[in-house]
């Protein structure tokens, strides 16, 4: 059964992650159930605007063992390979290390340590030890060939800096506890050791180290160099441009036909050119201009209903080989068009949450090529990030207060007020269709306000549809129907 994950990525964004192998075909549907009180529809937020501003994706090579990729089995063999292969493999290792560190850091930061039990610091120490173990193994395979050393030093420089920055970022976001001051000092000592390690190897000049902007920009450049040979290039094409031109021509022709008929009838009613005739002709042409765009848009939506809006080709950044082809849909839909499994999942909501909603449907179909992958890799990872900020643009902020009486023996007349915030709940149905046999449906609840996501949880059990059994049942019913007729 194929797997995917849907997690919070940023303050107001979520990320869908899944993996695909060569020769694989996959279709993923996301149904966003948006409460109508949020004011989101095709008039306030068009599909094209949200696709361009709110949906971003990254596709890259993937290998199993995210935290220790290729370290034990492949590093020695890399030294014997070509310069391009070494760069690709090393950058893939660095990319996966960065991805794993970000994932684990977010999980550690999510630990609620309000009672001061030290769960956060224990988890952070464990994460830091794991990072140091990986960096130690990485540095034990330093190349000796002159052409490979600059590639290694760039990667090593960035991983050391990024590890240090991540540790300090995590410490800065949590309050200090006197009983864990030694743990904080030990973690900060590790940061100092990494900084001294970079100075010892002369990875960065003194002028760069003294200017925070210069060091940040240099590390940003190293990050782009790491991602260059790992993240696939994508060429996105808007579909239907030729069809749109035909629709514009057809709509203009139909409207002009109506206008000419009305003009002929007007001339028949008025044998001479009069002021009234001129006035009626002006009304006819004015009506044409008013309804021209609306008629064209209606005709365009009718023709393009159910068809993909964009196509995308994924290419290897180094050898330019085609990795996969994708088709993307994004439309406002009606609840009656939902699959039955999605309807069943939405029906499991509490009664107070069953409010009228607008459905935004996103679909992506991917067909992975049979070849074109770098040697040693047969899997790609896709991360699709949905920014929810465009969806919260029209919602209300926190307004109002709730009053309650304090149960106090000393001051029975005291009333406490608490400011409240307006929260909304978005339901997302993720339907993953692997092929002709199984389809997987899951529901997620996202609680958010205007400033950020409050909570994201998986709701209920996943529903699985056995399409092979459904096909068998439909064929059986057809045979029985034919038998009755005979």
Foldseek 3Di string as FASTA:
>chain_A
DFDWDWAADDFFKIKIKGKDFFQFKWKKKKKKWFFCQLVDDCVQANQVNQCVPFKDKWKFFDDPDLLQPPLPPPLVVLLVDDQVSVLLVLLVNLVSNVVVLSVLLVVLLPDDCVVVPCSSLVSLVVSLVSLVVNLVSLVVSQHDDPSCNVSSLLSNLLSLVVSLVSLVVSVVVDDDDPVCVVSNVVSNVSSVVSVVVCVVVVSDDPVQVVDPVSVVVSSVVSNCSSCQQTIWDKDKDFPCPVVLVVLLVVLVVVLVVVLVVVLVVLCVVPVDDDPVSVVVNVVSVVVCVVCSVVSSVVVVCVVCPPHFGMKMWTARSPPRFTFKIKTKHKDWDDPVPDPPQVVVQLVPDDPVQPHRTIIIMIMMMMGTHNDRDDPPTGMMMMMMMGRCLSSNPSPDWFDDWDKDFDPDPVCRPDIDIDTGTDKDKMKMWMWMDRDQFKIKIWIKIWIDGNRGTPDIDTDDDIDMDGNVVVVVVVVVVVVVVVVVVD
